Amino acid sequence: MKKQWITTVVMIAMVLGLVSGTVLGADLFSELGILDLDANGGINPATGNPWQAGDTYRFVFSSSEVYPSDITSSDTIATYNNWIQGLADASSLRIGTAEGVTWNALVSTASVNARDNTSTNPNTDGDGEGIFLLNGTTRVVDDYVEVWNVGGVNASQNSGIVIDENGDPWNNTDATIWANASYGGTWTGTKNDGTVGSPLATDADVTWGGTPWTDYNHWIYRSNADPSANAGLMYGLSETLTVWTPPAGTLVTIR
């Protein structure tokens, strides 16, 4: 289990005591130490019950910068995933490779659906878990079914994806994004159900969504735009993370 984000020290019972910056195990902790397990009433949105050890969740961010080149036919799904991973690795929040966490791009190419690239396909990955912003408190969706509006029409999210990989608010005045900057233009190549729309890695118009949108699934499919004439952001989604309880007699240093 990935626990690189903490320092654990096992001590014999006779020397356990109050140590600055540490707490004695038995309490719940969130992997990466960012998710506030007391927020939102302390309820896991996927289960409707209080958080408990073994529960899972994920984080999503909107990139702090636009994709650095045109979305051209020379790029592959691995290219986009690697770029998102690089942003996570450079994050001041310590959420990347060094912490043992993999991030993928929420995008579709002609041969890969976004829901498969991010393991959020309810048909193969189950109902899934809640997805949160990197402020540690804001719930975006309850589960994968809500992400892709399965069985519904014009689904709403609880929040737009308005926090970047550093935990900072999305900047809706960024002049490097095309004229639709106020919409938070984000390359997705994806339809509302998570399958390929007008995909990335093409010379034709590409599907984009908007970071602040919470209704009609416009976060993922707002319109199409010419990638050679416009710049856009990209969403990153973490792998599944876990809530856990430290073993008895373990001191956990909080980040």
C-alpha atoms as a PDB file:
ATOM      1  CA  MET A   1       0.000   0.000   0.000  1.00  0.00           C
ATOM      2  CA  LYS A   2       1.345   3.432  -0.921  1.00  0.00           C
ATOM      3  CA  LYS A   3       2.115   5.316   2.257  1.00  0.00           C
ATOM      4  CA  GLN A   4       5.167   7.325   1.191  1.00  0.00           C
ATOM      5  CA  TRP A   5       3.402  10.560   2.113  1.00  0.00           C
ATOM      6  CA  ILE A   6       3.782   9.868   5.836  1.00  0.00           C
ATOM      7  CA  THR A   7       6.565   8.938   8.192  1.00  0.00           C
ATOM      8  CA  THR A   8       5.740   6.098  10.543  1.00  0.00           C
ATOM      9  CA  VAL A   9       7.672   5.206  13.625  1.00  0.00           C
ATOM     10  CA  VAL A  10       6.854   2.038  15.575  1.00  0.00           C
ATOM     11  CA  MET A  11       7.728   2.392  19.247  1.00  0.00           C
ATOM     12  CA  ILE A  12       7.401   0.082  22.229  1.00  0.00           C
ATOM     13  CA  ALA A  13       4.456   0.815  24.503  1.00  0.00           C
ATOM     14  CA  MET A  14       6.510   2.172  27.422  1.00  0.00           C
ATOM     15  CA  VAL A  15       7.910   5.065  25.362  1.00  0.00           C
ATOM     16  CA  LEU A  16       4.708   6.045  23.546  1.00  0.00           C
ATOM     17  CA  GLY A  17       3.607   9.538  24.424  1.00  0.00           C
ATOM     18  CA  LEU A  18       2.824  12.963  23.101  1.00  0.00           C
ATOM     19  CA  VAL A  19       5.090  13.830  20.178  1.00  0.00           C
ATOM     20  CA  SER A  20       4.820  17.128  18.331  1.00  0.00           C
ATOM     21  CA  GLY A  21       3.208  16.741  14.901  1.00  0.00           C
ATOM     22  CA  THR A  22       2.147  13.137  15.443  1.00  0.00           C
ATOM     23  CA  VAL A  23      -0.945  11.230  16.470  1.00  0.00           C
ATOM     24  CA  LEU A  24      -1.299   7.706  17.781  1.00  0.00           C
ATOM     25  CA  GLY A  25      -2.943   5.227  15.396  1.00  0.00           C
ATOM     26  CA  ALA A  26      -6.611   4.137  15.493  1.00  0.00           C
ATOM     27  CA  ASP A  27      -7.912   7.260  13.753  1.00  0.00           C
ATOM     28  CA  LEU A  28      -8.704   7.135  10.026  1.00  0.00           C
ATOM     29  CA  PHE A  29      -6.324   8.656   7.517  1.00  0.00           C
ATOM     30  CA  SER A  30      -6.726   9.402   3.825  1.00  0.00           C
ATOM     31  CA  GLU A  31      -4.025   8.309   1.446  1.00  0.00           C
ATOM     32  CA  LEU A  32      -1.960  11.367   0.423  1.00  0.00           C
ATOM     33  CA  GLY A  33      -3.318  13.078   3.531  1.00  0.00           C
ATOM     34  CA  ILE A  34      -5.369  15.633   1.573  1.00  0.00           C
ATOM     35  CA  LEU A  35      -8.968  14.437   1.785  1.00  0.00           C
ATOM     36  CA  ASP A  36     -10.711  15.830   4.874  1.00  0.00           C
ATOM     37  CA  LEU A  37     -12.651  12.875   6.224  1.00  0.00           C
ATOM     38  CA  ASP A  38     -14.703  15.153   8.501  1.00  0.00           C
ATOM     39  CA  ALA A  39     -15.943  17.360   5.649  1.00  0.00           C
ATOM     40  CA  ASN A  40     -19.386  16.843   4.092  1.00  0.00           C
ATOM     41  CA  GLY A  41     -20.676  15.407   7.332  1.00  0.00           C
ATOM     42  CA  GLY A  42     -17.962  12.758   7.368  1.00  0.00           C
ATOM     43  CA  ILE A  43     -19.954  10.736   4.822  1.00  0.00           C
ATOM     44  CA  ASN A  44     -18.518   8.702   1.954  1.00  0.00           C
ATOM     45  CA  PRO A  45     -20.707   9.796  -0.990  1.00  0.00           C
ATOM     46  CA  ALA A  46     -20.399   6.436  -2.739  1.00  0.00           C
ATOM     47  CA  THR A  47     -21.805   4.497   0.218  1.00  0.00           C
ATOM     48  CA  GLY A  48     -23.879   7.079   2.074  1.00  0.00           C
ATOM     49  CA  ASN A  49     -22.210   5.923   5.292  1.00  0.00           C
ATOM     50  CA  PRO A  50     -19.430   7.407   7.449  1.00  0.00           C
ATOM     51  CA  TRP A  51     -15.927   6.860   6.095  1.00  0.00           C
ATOM     52  CA  GLN A  52     -14.281   3.674   7.265  1.00  0.00           C
ATOM     53  CA  ALA A  53     -11.009   1.858   6.693  1.00  0.00           C
ATOM     54  CA  GLY A  54     -10.865   0.353   3.213  1.00  0.00           C
ATOM     55  CA  ASP A  55     -13.129   2.969   1.608  1.00  0.00           C
ATOM     56  CA  THR A  56     -11.808   4.443  -1.627  1.00  0.00           C
ATOM     57  CA  TYR A  57     -11.876   7.792  -3.412  1.00  0.00           C
ATOM     58  CA  ARG A  58     -10.091   9.708  -6.173  1.00  0.00           C
ATOM     59  CA  PHE A  59      -8.920  13.239  -6.976  1.00  0.00           C
ATOM     60  CA  VAL A  60      -9.308  15.250 -10.162  1.00  0.00           C
ATOM     61  CA  PHE A  61      -7.643  18.481 -11.252  1.00  0.00           C
ATOM     62  CA  SER A  62      -7.711  20.954 -14.096  1.00  0.00           C
ATOM     63  CA  SER A  63      -4.187  21.600 -15.377  1.00  0.00           C
ATOM     64  CA  SER A  64      -2.539  24.829 -14.259  1.00  0.00           C
ATOM     65  CA  GLU A  65      -1.293  25.397 -17.803  1.00  0.00           C
ATOM     66  CA  VAL A  66      -2.477  24.715 -21.318  1.00  0.00           C
ATOM     67  CA  TYR A  67      -1.314  21.652 -23.210  1.00  0.00           C
ATOM     68  CA  PRO A  68       2.052  22.770 -24.611  1.00  0.00           C
ATOM     69  CA  SER A  69       1.479  21.888 -28.263  1.00  0.00           C
ATOM     70  CA  ASP A  70      -1.297  21.441 -30.787  1.00  0.00           C
ATOM     71  CA  ILE A  71      -3.422  18.347 -30.273  1.00  0.00           C
ATOM     72  CA  THR A  72      -1.945  16.713 -33.349  1.00  0.00           C
ATOM     73  CA  SER A  73      -1.875  13.278 -34.913  1.00  0.00           C
ATOM     74  CA  SER A  74       1.644  12.707 -33.558  1.00  0.00           C
ATOM     75  CA  ASP A  75       0.391  12.519 -29.969  1.00  0.00           C
ATOM     76  CA  THR A  76      -0.870   9.323 -28.305  1.00  0.00           C
ATOM     77  CA  ILE A  77      -2.818   8.535 -25.151  1.00  0.00           C
ATOM     78  CA  ALA A  78       0.526   7.822 -23.463  1.00  0.00           C
ATOM     79  CA  THR A  79       1.713  11.322 -24.389  1.00  0.00           C
ATOM     80  CA  TYR A  80      -1.257  12.902 -22.645  1.00  0.00           C
ATOM     81  CA  ASN A  81      -0.995  10.620 -19.624  1.00  0.00           C
ATOM     82  CA  ASN A  82       2.703  11.399 -19.265  1.00  0.00           C
ATOM     83  CA  TRP A  83       2.041  15.131 -19.422  1.00  0.00           C
ATOM     84  CA  ILE A  84      -0.598  14.922 -16.692  1.00  0.00           C
ATOM     85  CA  GLN A  85       1.704  12.733 -14.583  1.00  0.00           C
ATOM     86  CA  GLY A  86       4.456  15.320 -14.980  1.00  0.00           C
ATOM     87  CA  LEU A  87       2.190  18.044 -13.615  1.00  0.00           C
ATOM     88  CA  ALA A  88       1.304  15.857 -10.647  1.00  0.00           C
ATOM     89  CA  ASP A  89       4.971  15.044 -10.043  1.00  0.00           C
ATOM     90  CA  ALA A  90       5.829  18.768  -9.959  1.00  0.00           C
ATOM     91  CA  SER A  91       2.903  19.663  -7.694  1.00  0.00           C
ATOM     92  CA  SER A  92       3.656  21.356  -4.411  1.00  0.00           C
ATOM     93  CA  LEU A  93       1.079  19.030  -2.837  1.00  0.00           C
ATOM     94  CA  ARG A  94       3.306  15.951  -3.277  1.00  0.00           C
ATOM     95  CA  ILE A  95       0.789  13.824  -5.159  1.00  0.00           C
ATOM     96  CA  GLY A  96       2.834  12.145  -7.864  1.00  0.00           C
ATOM     97  CA  THR A  97       5.293   9.395  -8.661  1.00  0.00           C
ATOM     98  CA  ALA A  98       7.389   9.915  -5.528  1.00  0.00           C
ATOM     99  CA  GLU A  99       4.275   9.240  -3.477  1.00  0.00           C
ATOM    100  CA  GLY A 100       3.449   6.168  -5.557  1.00  0.00           C
ATOM    101  CA  VAL A 101       0.376   7.683  -7.231  1.00  0.00           C
ATOM    102  CA  THR A 102      -0.445   7.410 -10.938  1.00  0.00           C
ATOM    103  CA  TRP A 103      -2.482  10.068 -12.771  1.00  0.00           C
ATOM    104  CA  ASN A 104      -4.115   9.763 -16.198  1.00  0.00           C
ATOM    105  CA  ALA A 105      -5.576  12.289 -18.601  1.00  0.00           C
ATOM    106  CA  LEU A 106      -9.369  12.457 -18.878  1.00  0.00           C
ATOM    107  CA  VAL A 107      -9.243  12.416 -22.681  1.00  0.00           C
ATOM    108  CA  SER A 108     -10.199  10.218 -25.612  1.00  0.00           C
ATOM    109  CA  THR A 109      -8.208   9.433 -28.727  1.00  0.00           C
ATOM    110  CA  ALA A 110      -9.619   7.673 -31.778  1.00  0.00           C
ATOM    111  CA  SER A 111      -8.769   4.283 -30.243  1.00  0.00           C
ATOM    112  CA  VAL A 112      -9.119   4.907 -26.472  1.00  0.00           C
ATOM    113  CA  ASN A 113     -12.201   6.065 -24.565  1.00  0.00           C
ATOM    114  CA  ALA A 114     -11.627   8.456 -21.667  1.00  0.00           C
ATOM    115  CA  ARG A 115     -13.642   6.228 -19.338  1.00  0.00           C
ATOM    116  CA  ASP A 116     -11.325   3.304 -20.149  1.00  0.00           C
ATOM    117  CA  ASN A 117      -8.138   5.364 -19.965  1.00  0.00           C
ATOM    118  CA  THR A 118      -9.116   6.443 -16.448  1.00  0.00           C
ATOM    119  CA  SER A 119     -10.727   3.162 -15.301  1.00  0.00           C
ATOM    120  CA  THR A 120     -14.081   4.870 -14.693  1.00  0.00           C
ATOM    121  CA  ASN A 121     -16.212   2.742 -17.026  1.00  0.00           C
ATOM    122  CA  PRO A 122     -19.194   1.523 -14.957  1.00  0.00           C
ATOM    123  CA  ASN A 123     -19.584  -1.429 -17.334  1.00  0.00           C
ATOM    124  CA  THR A 124     -16.166  -2.810 -16.440  1.00  0.00           C
ATOM    125  CA  ASP A 125     -15.031  -0.909 -13.339  1.00  0.00           C
ATOM    126  CA  GLY A 126     -18.252  -0.958 -11.327  1.00  0.00           C
ATOM    127  CA  ASP A 127     -20.006   1.979  -9.686  1.00  0.00           C
ATOM    128  CA  GLY A 128     -16.698   3.270  -8.369  1.00  0.00           C
ATOM    129  CA  GLU A 129     -16.047   5.896  -5.736  1.00  0.00           C
ATOM    130  CA  GLY A 130     -16.438   9.595  -5.032  1.00  0.00           C
ATOM    131  CA  ILE A 131     -14.138  12.021  -6.854  1.00  0.00           C
ATOM    132  CA  PHE A 132     -12.909  15.155  -5.092  1.00  0.00           C
ATOM    133  CA  LEU A 133     -11.016  18.356  -5.823  1.00  0.00           C
ATOM    134  CA  LEU A 134      -7.517  18.799  -4.418  1.00  0.00           C
ATOM    135  CA  ASN A 135      -8.709  21.296  -1.829  1.00  0.00           C
ATOM    136  CA  GLY A 136      -9.583  18.140   0.108  1.00  0.00           C
ATOM    137  CA  THR A 137     -13.215  19.009   0.751  1.00  0.00           C
ATOM    138  CA  THR A 138     -15.136  19.617  -2.482  1.00  0.00           C
ATOM    139  CA  ARG A 139     -16.999  16.613  -3.880  1.00  0.00           C
ATOM    140  CA  VAL A 140     -17.286  16.618  -7.686  1.00  0.00           C
ATOM    141  CA  VAL A 141     -19.273  13.401  -8.183  1.00  0.00           C
ATOM    142  CA  ASP A 142     -20.440  10.524  -6.016  1.00  0.00           C
ATOM    143  CA  ASP A 143     -19.282   7.698  -8.291  1.00  0.00           C
ATOM    144  CA  TYR A 144     -18.538   6.662 -11.889  1.00  0.00           C
ATOM    145  CA  VAL A 145     -22.227   6.400 -12.738  1.00  0.00           C
ATOM    146  CA  GLU A 146     -22.577  10.099 -11.998  1.00  0.00           C
ATOM    147  CA  VAL A 147     -19.395  10.968 -13.895  1.00  0.00           C
ATOM    148  CA  TRP A 148     -20.779   9.603 -17.148  1.00  0.00           C
ATOM    149  CA  ASN A 149     -24.472  10.263 -16.605  1.00  0.00           C
ATOM    150  CA  VAL A 150     -25.364   6.580 -16.903  1.00  0.00           C
ATOM    151  CA  GLY A 151     -29.097   6.108 -17.268  1.00  0.00           C
ATOM    152  CA  GLY A 152     -29.836   9.817 -16.928  1.00  0.00           C
ATOM    153  CA  VAL A 153     -30.288  12.947 -18.971  1.00  0.00           C
ATOM    154  CA  ASN A 154     -28.455  16.251 -18.502  1.00  0.00           C
ATOM    155  CA  ALA A 155     -26.768  15.134 -15.288  1.00  0.00           C
ATOM    156  CA  SER A 156     -25.358  17.703 -12.887  1.00  0.00           C
ATOM    157  CA  GLN A 157     -22.091  17.579 -10.987  1.00  0.00           C
ATOM    158  CA  ASN A 158     -21.753  18.889  -7.459  1.00  0.00           C
ATOM    159  CA  SER A 159     -18.831  21.087  -8.514  1.00  0.00           C
ATOM    160  CA  GLY A 160     -16.911  22.118 -11.572  1.00  0.00           C
ATOM    161  CA  ILE A 161     -13.283  21.014 -11.814  1.00  0.00           C
ATOM    162  CA  VAL A 162     -11.975  24.391 -10.706  1.00  0.00           C
ATOM    163  CA  ILE A 163      -8.840  23.450  -8.721  1.00  0.00           C
ATOM    164  CA  ASP A 164      -5.472  22.749 -10.361  1.00  0.00           C
ATOM    165  CA  GLU A 165      -2.775  20.230  -9.449  1.00  0.00           C
ATOM    166  CA  ASN A 166      -1.299  22.624  -6.874  1.00  0.00           C
ATOM    167  CA  GLY A 167      -4.591  23.090  -5.079  1.00  0.00           C
ATOM    168  CA  ASP A 168      -5.031  26.580  -6.516  1.00  0.00           C
ATOM    169  CA  PRO A 169      -8.298  27.931  -7.991  1.00  0.00           C
ATOM    170  CA  TRP A 170      -8.699  27.837 -11.754  1.00  0.00           C
ATOM    171  CA  ASN A 171      -7.954  31.213 -13.369  1.00  0.00           C
ATOM    172  CA  ASN A 172     -10.837  32.231 -15.615  1.00  0.00           C
ATOM    173  CA  THR A 173      -8.927  35.225 -16.995  1.00  0.00           C
ATOM    174  CA  ASP A 174      -6.018  33.224 -18.431  1.00  0.00           C
ATOM    175  CA  ALA A 175      -5.346  34.827 -21.797  1.00  0.00           C
ATOM    176  CA  THR A 176      -3.445  31.789 -23.067  1.00  0.00           C
ATOM    177  CA  ILE A 177      -6.730  29.890 -23.418  1.00  0.00           C
ATOM    178  CA  TRP A 178      -8.706  30.697 -26.544  1.00  0.00           C
ATOM    179  CA  ALA A 179     -11.530  33.236 -26.706  1.00  0.00           C
ATOM    180  CA  ASN A 180     -13.713  30.932 -24.614  1.00  0.00           C
ATOM    181  CA  ALA A 181     -11.413  31.318 -21.618  1.00  0.00           C
ATOM    182  CA  SER A 182     -14.385  32.165 -19.406  1.00  0.00           C
ATOM    183  CA  TYR A 183     -15.652  28.639 -20.142  1.00  0.00           C
ATOM    184  CA  GLY A 184     -12.372  27.090 -19.015  1.00  0.00           C
ATOM    185  CA  GLY A 185     -11.690  25.501 -22.388  1.00  0.00           C
ATOM    186  CA  THR A 186     -10.327  21.995 -21.716  1.00  0.00           C
ATOM    187  CA  TRP A 187      -9.445  19.377 -24.345  1.00  0.00           C
ATOM    188  CA  THR A 188     -11.351  16.117 -23.770  1.00  0.00           C
ATOM    189  CA  GLY A 189     -12.172  14.518 -27.144  1.00  0.00           C
ATOM    190  CA  THR A 190     -15.029  12.855 -25.292  1.00  0.00           C
ATOM    191  CA  LYS A 191     -18.811  12.539 -25.331  1.00  0.00           C
ATOM    192  CA  ASN A 192     -21.029  12.697 -22.249  1.00  0.00           C
ATOM    193  CA  ASP A 193     -20.901   8.934 -21.726  1.00  0.00           C
ATOM    194  CA  GLY A 194     -17.096   8.798 -21.651  1.00  0.00           C
ATOM    195  CA  THR A 195     -16.640   7.442 -25.168  1.00  0.00           C
ATOM    196  CA  VAL A 196     -14.831   9.033 -28.098  1.00  0.00           C
ATOM    197  CA  GLY A 197     -16.327  12.249 -29.415  1.00  0.00           C
ATOM    198  CA  SER A 198     -14.156  14.290 -31.755  1.00  0.00           C
ATOM    199  CA  PRO A 199     -10.919  12.806 -30.435  1.00  0.00           C
ATOM    200  CA  LEU A 200      -7.527  14.211 -29.571  1.00  0.00           C
ATOM    201  CA  ALA A 201      -4.615  13.312 -31.844  1.00  0.00           C
ATOM    202  CA  THR A 202      -6.452  14.458 -34.932  1.00  0.00           C
ATOM    203  CA  ASP A 203      -6.173  17.308 -37.403  1.00  0.00           C
ATOM    204  CA  ALA A 204      -9.919  17.917 -37.259  1.00  0.00           C
ATOM    205  CA  ASP A 205     -11.896  19.846 -34.642  1.00  0.00           C
ATOM    206  CA  VAL A 206     -11.603  18.356 -31.145  1.00  0.00           C
ATOM    207  CA  THR A 207     -14.216  18.126 -28.397  1.00  0.00           C
ATOM    208  CA  TRP A 208     -13.645  20.382 -25.410  1.00  0.00           C
ATOM    209  CA  GLY A 209     -15.367  20.928 -22.074  1.00  0.00           C
ATOM    210  CA  GLY A 210     -15.410  23.727 -19.521  1.00  0.00           C
ATOM    211  CA  THR A 211     -13.940  23.590 -16.028  1.00  0.00           C
ATOM    212  CA  PRO A 212     -16.630  25.623 -14.202  1.00  0.00           C
ATOM    213  CA  TRP A 213     -19.614  23.797 -15.695  1.00  0.00           C
ATOM    214  CA  THR A 214     -21.756  21.651 -13.407  1.00  0.00           C
ATOM    215  CA  ASP A 215     -24.768  20.922 -15.626  1.00  0.00           C
ATOM    216  CA  TYR A 216     -25.505  19.085 -18.869  1.00  0.00           C
ATOM    217  CA  ASN A 217     -22.113  17.356 -18.675  1.00  0.00           C
ATOM    218  CA  HIS A 218     -20.616  20.442 -20.317  1.00  0.00           C
ATOM    219  CA  TRP A 219     -17.516  19.876 -18.201  1.00  0.00           C
ATOM    220  CA  ILE A 220     -16.598  17.139 -20.697  1.00  0.00           C
ATOM    221  CA  TYR A 221     -18.521  18.045 -23.873  1.00  0.00           C
ATOM    222  CA  ARG A 222     -19.251  21.718 -24.468  1.00  0.00           C
ATOM    223  CA  SER A 223     -18.367  22.052 -28.171  1.00  0.00           C
ATOM    224  CA  ASN A 224     -15.616  21.362 -30.725  1.00  0.00           C
ATOM    225  CA  ALA A 225     -12.695  23.591 -31.698  1.00  0.00           C
ATOM    226  CA  ASP A 226      -9.770  23.672 -34.120  1.00  0.00           C
ATOM    227  CA  PRO A 227      -6.683  22.465 -32.205  1.00  0.00           C
ATOM    228  CA  SER A 228      -4.276  24.242 -34.534  1.00  0.00           C
ATOM    229  CA  ALA A 229      -5.814  27.615 -33.708  1.00  0.00           C
ATOM    230  CA  ASN A 230      -6.634  27.207 -30.013  1.00  0.00           C
ATOM    231  CA  ALA A 231      -4.950  26.251 -26.765  1.00  0.00           C
ATOM    232  CA  GLY A 232      -6.652  24.339 -23.996  1.00  0.00           C
ATOM    233  CA  LEU A 233      -6.294  22.863 -20.532  1.00  0.00           C
ATOM    234  CA  MET A 234      -6.563  19.160 -19.636  1.00  0.00           C
ATOM    235  CA  TYR A 235      -8.075  17.213 -16.733  1.00  0.00           C
ATOM    236  CA  GLY A 236      -6.079  14.745 -14.664  1.00  0.00           C
ATOM    237  CA  LEU A 237      -7.596  11.931 -12.586  1.00  0.00           C
ATOM    238  CA  SER A 238      -5.749  10.020  -9.884  1.00  0.00           C
ATOM    239  CA  GLU A 239      -5.750   6.292  -9.435  1.00  0.00           C
ATOM    240  CA  THR A 240      -7.973   4.918  -6.679  1.00  0.00           C
ATOM    241  CA  LEU A 241      -6.826   5.959  -3.194  1.00  0.00           C
ATOM    242  CA  THR A 242      -7.680   4.367   0.137  1.00  0.00           C
ATOM    243  CA  VAL A 243      -8.787   5.353   3.627  1.00  0.00           C
ATOM    244  CA  TRP A 244      -6.837   3.434   6.238  1.00  0.00           C
ATOM    245  CA  THR A 245      -6.181   2.991   9.944  1.00  0.00           C
ATOM    246  CA  PRO A 246      -2.568   2.830  11.162  1.00  0.00           C
ATOM    247  CA  PRO A 247      -1.613  -0.378  12.986  1.00  0.00           C
ATOM    248  CA  ALA A 248      -1.861  -0.270  16.764  1.00  0.00           C
ATOM    249  CA  GLY A 249       1.230   1.265  18.329  1.00  0.00           C
ATOM    250  CA  THR A 250       2.102   3.305  15.247  1.00  0.00           C
ATOM    251  CA  LEU A 251       2.846   7.012  15.376  1.00  0.00           C
ATOM    252  CA  VAL A 252       1.861   8.830  12.204  1.00  0.00           C
ATOM    253  CA  THR A 253       3.444  12.127  11.272  1.00  0.00           C
ATOM    254  CA  ILE A 254       0.854  14.350   9.619  1.00  0.00           C
ATOM    255  CA  ARG A 255       1.964  16.280   6.504  1.00  0.00           C
END
